[in-house]
Amino acid sequence: MKKKLGLSLCGSYCTYETLFAAAEKLKEDYELIPIMSETAARTDSRFGTAAEHLRRLEALTGRKPVTSIAEAEPLGPKEPMDALLIAPCTGNTLGKLAHGLTDSCVAMAAKAHLRNGKPLVIAFSTNDGLSGSAENIARLLNRKNVYFVPFRQDDPVKKPCSLQADFSLLGDSVSAALQGKQLQPILVPLRP
């Protein structure tokens, strides 16, 4: 029987193509439980419509995505997962997680999941990772059962404060987290 892996998407729409490709590989090893933030579930962008992303996530997982706080709360006590992956995790959601705010379905899913003592894996994508979100990243690095997908600067010339997880390391990061380990190195080299 496959382990259950929650797959939570926030609104860093520019990463969705890479994420969906990586999620296809995750599907081989895990039963994916889809979760999409309220904002992502209703916002169209130049990277596609919300309806397209929801359809794609449902087709990938075979389940209707969780898109509300009420739907997310039972994921901890009634429908526990072995691990929860937030990919992409925006700076906004990083802040909520770092400060215990649960005003979105992704934050509620994380809270409900963490109370079971299971790993939360964060693959963030944020334009302010080396500025406004840096303190939140540092807070979460010291949190029990919270792990990061290794990350790098996204575009040091045009966006010097932007950080993004290496989505090719999602599977390895989840596997390490299930063993209680942070995949290393956490800071990976820039892409050539």
Protein backbone atom coordinates (compact mmCIF):
# COMPACT_ATOMS: atom_id res chain seq x y z
CA MET A 1 0.00 0.00 0.00
CA LYS A 2 1.32 3.44 -0.97
CA LYS A 3 1.94 6.08 1.68
CA LYS A 4 -0.39 9.09 1.60
CA LEU A 5 1.24 12.36 0.57
CA GLY A 6 -0.69 15.61 0.72
CA LEU A 7 0.16 17.85 -2.22
CA SER A 8 -0.69 21.49 -1.45
CA LEU A 9 -0.41 24.17 -4.11
CA CYS A 10 -0.22 27.88 -3.40
CA GLY A 11 -0.21 30.73 -5.91
CA SER A 12 3.28 30.74 -7.41
CA TYR A 13 1.75 29.97 -10.81
CA CYS A 14 5.03 30.27 -12.72
CA THR A 15 6.16 26.99 -11.10
CA TYR A 16 3.07 24.93 -11.95
CA GLU A 17 4.45 23.31 -15.12
CA THR A 18 7.55 22.15 -13.27
CA LEU A 19 5.45 21.07 -10.29
CA PHE A 20 3.00 19.01 -12.33
CA ALA A 21 5.87 17.21 -14.07
CA ALA A 22 7.47 16.42 -10.70
CA ALA A 23 4.10 15.34 -9.25
CA GLU A 24 3.75 12.73 -12.00
CA LYS A 25 6.86 11.08 -10.56
CA LEU A 26 5.58 11.40 -6.99
CA LYS A 27 2.38 9.64 -8.04
CA GLU A 28 4.40 6.50 -8.76
CA ASP A 29 5.36 6.18 -5.08
CA TYR A 30 2.57 7.92 -3.17
CA GLU A 31 -1.19 8.25 -3.04
CA LEU A 32 -1.52 12.00 -3.61
CA ILE A 33 -4.09 14.01 -1.64
CA PRO A 34 -4.65 17.29 -3.56
CA ILE A 35 -5.01 20.62 -1.75
CA MET A 36 -5.09 24.04 -3.42
CA SER A 37 -5.21 27.38 -1.65
CA GLU A 38 -8.39 29.35 -2.01
CA THR A 39 -6.53 32.05 -3.93
CA ALA A 40 -4.92 29.59 -6.34
CA ALA A 41 -8.25 27.81 -6.84
CA ARG A 42 -9.95 30.99 -8.06
CA THR A 43 -7.23 33.09 -9.71
CA ASP A 44 -6.51 33.09 -13.42
CA SER A 45 -3.05 34.20 -14.45
CA ARG A 46 -0.87 34.38 -17.54
CA PHE A 47 0.19 30.83 -16.61
CA GLY A 48 -3.33 29.41 -17.01
CA THR A 49 -6.79 29.54 -15.53
CA ALA A 50 -7.72 28.36 -12.07
CA ALA A 51 -10.21 25.91 -13.61
CA GLU A 52 -7.46 24.39 -15.78
CA HIS A 53 -5.16 23.96 -12.79
CA LEU A 54 -7.92 22.38 -10.69
CA ARG A 55 -8.82 19.96 -13.52
CA ARG A 56 -5.18 19.05 -13.99
CA LEU A 57 -4.66 18.43 -10.27
CA GLU A 58 -7.79 16.27 -10.07
CA ALA A 59 -6.74 14.27 -13.15
CA LEU A 60 -3.28 13.75 -11.66
CA THR A 61 -4.51 12.58 -8.25
CA GLY A 62 -7.89 11.06 -9.06
CA ARG A 63 -9.44 13.15 -6.28
CA LYS A 64 -11.25 16.47 -6.07
CA PRO A 65 -8.84 19.02 -4.58
CA VAL A 66 -9.44 20.36 -1.08
CA THR A 67 -10.04 24.11 -1.46
CA SER A 68 -11.49 25.31 1.86
CA ILE A 69 -10.59 25.40 5.54
CA ALA A 70 -13.58 23.18 6.37
CA GLU A 71 -12.38 20.53 3.90
CA ALA A 72 -8.77 20.76 5.14
CA GLU A 73 -9.34 20.38 8.89
CA PRO A 74 -10.20 16.62 8.80
CA LEU A 75 -6.91 15.85 7.03
CA GLY A 76 -5.21 15.62 10.41
CA PRO A 77 -7.54 13.72 12.76
CA LYS A 78 -9.85 11.81 10.39
CA GLU A 79 -7.82 11.37 7.20
CA PRO A 80 -4.18 11.40 8.31
CA MET A 81 -1.40 11.59 5.74
CA ASP A 82 2.11 10.20 6.08
CA ALA A 83 3.62 13.49 4.86
CA LEU A 84 2.42 16.84 3.53
CA LEU A 85 4.22 18.69 0.75
CA ILE A 86 3.48 22.36 0.08
CA ALA A 87 4.74 23.04 -3.44
CA PRO A 88 4.85 25.79 -4.39
CA CYS A 89 4.71 27.52 -1.03
CA THR A 90 4.47 31.30 -1.38
CA GLY A 91 6.02 33.87 0.94
CA ASN A 92 2.52 34.60 2.21
CA THR A 93 2.00 30.99 3.26
CA LEU A 94 5.52 30.82 4.74
CA GLY A 95 4.52 33.73 6.99
CA LYS A 96 1.30 32.02 8.04
CA LEU A 97 3.11 28.79 8.87
CA ALA A 98 5.89 30.59 10.77
CA HIS A 99 3.40 32.49 12.93
CA GLY A 100 0.68 29.86 13.43
CA LEU A 101 -1.98 31.53 11.30
CA THR A 102 -4.64 29.23 9.86
CA ASP A 103 -6.73 31.48 7.65
CA SER A 104 -6.31 29.38 4.50
CA CYS A 105 -6.92 25.75 3.62
CA VAL A 106 -3.19 25.11 3.05
CA ALA A 107 -2.29 26.52 6.47
CA MET A 108 -5.13 24.52 8.08
CA ALA A 109 -4.00 21.33 6.34
CA ALA A 110 -0.47 21.94 7.66
CA LYS A 111 -1.70 22.60 11.20
CA ALA A 112 -3.97 19.56 11.15
CA HIS A 113 -1.14 17.44 9.76
CA LEU A 114 1.57 18.63 12.18
CA ARG A 115 -0.52 17.76 15.22
CA ASN A 116 -0.03 14.12 14.19
CA GLY A 117 3.76 14.54 14.40
CA LYS A 118 4.25 13.76 10.72
CA PRO A 119 6.63 15.58 8.34
CA LEU A 120 5.72 18.79 6.57
CA VAL A 121 7.89 19.43 3.50
CA ILE A 122 8.06 22.96 2.09
CA ALA A 123 9.09 23.76 -1.49
CA PHE A 124 8.88 27.52 -1.53
CA SER A 125 8.94 29.98 -4.37
CA THR A 126 9.05 33.58 -3.26
CA ASN A 127 10.41 36.83 -4.65
CA ASP A 128 11.33 38.02 -1.15
CA GLY A 129 13.15 34.97 0.23
CA LEU A 130 16.27 37.01 1.00
CA SER A 131 14.32 39.95 2.37
CA GLY A 132 10.80 39.90 3.87
CA SER A 133 10.41 36.10 4.00
CA ALA A 134 13.93 35.38 5.29
CA GLU A 135 12.89 35.55 8.94
CA ASN A 136 9.98 33.18 8.32
CA ILE A 137 12.24 30.69 6.55
CA ALA A 138 14.64 30.83 9.52
CA ARG A 139 11.79 30.29 12.00
CA LEU A 140 10.54 27.24 10.09
CA LEU A 141 14.04 25.77 9.72
CA ASN A 142 14.05 25.32 13.50
CA ARG A 143 10.59 23.78 13.74
CA LYS A 144 10.14 20.12 14.61
CA ASN A 145 8.87 17.94 11.72
CA VAL A 146 9.31 20.76 9.17
CA TYR A 147 11.67 20.13 6.26
CA PHE A 148 12.63 22.11 3.18
CA VAL A 149 13.17 21.08 -0.39
CA PRO A 150 16.67 22.41 -1.16
CA PHE A 151 16.56 25.83 -2.77
CA ARG A 152 18.58 28.43 -4.65
CA GLN A 153 18.35 31.98 -5.86
CA ASP A 154 15.82 32.10 -8.65
CA ASP A 155 17.38 34.86 -10.76
CA PRO A 156 20.14 36.71 -8.87
CA VAL A 157 20.49 39.44 -11.50
CA LYS A 158 16.87 40.41 -12.18
CA LYS A 159 15.39 39.27 -8.84
CA PRO A 160 18.23 39.32 -6.27
CA CYS A 161 15.99 38.48 -3.28
CA SER A 162 14.05 35.67 -4.98
CA LEU A 163 14.44 32.06 -3.81
CA GLN A 164 12.96 28.92 -5.30
CA ALA A 165 13.02 25.25 -4.35
CA ASP A 166 14.57 22.78 -6.75
CA PHE A 167 11.44 20.89 -7.81
CA SER A 168 13.55 18.04 -9.19
CA LEU A 169 14.31 17.20 -5.54
CA LEU A 170 10.69 16.86 -4.35
CA GLY A 171 10.76 13.06 -4.19
CA ASP A 172 14.14 12.87 -2.48
CA SER A 173 13.07 15.56 0.01
CA VAL A 174 9.85 13.75 0.94
CA SER A 175 11.70 10.43 1.26
CA ALA A 176 14.30 12.00 3.57
CA ALA A 177 11.60 13.74 5.65
CA LEU A 178 9.78 10.44 6.13
CA GLN A 179 13.03 9.22 7.70
CA GLY A 180 13.21 12.33 9.92
CA LYS A 181 16.04 13.89 7.91
CA GLN A 182 16.57 17.18 6.08
CA LEU A 183 17.86 16.56 2.56
CA GLN A 184 21.29 18.18 2.21
CA PRO A 185 22.70 20.41 1.03
CA ILE A 186 19.77 22.72 1.67
CA LEU A 187 21.32 25.50 -0.45
CA VAL A 188 21.98 24.24 -3.97
CA PRO A 189 24.12 25.88 -6.67
CA LEU A 190 22.68 28.23 -9.25
CA ARG A 191 21.55 26.64 -12.48
CA PRO A 192 24.03 27.13 -15.34
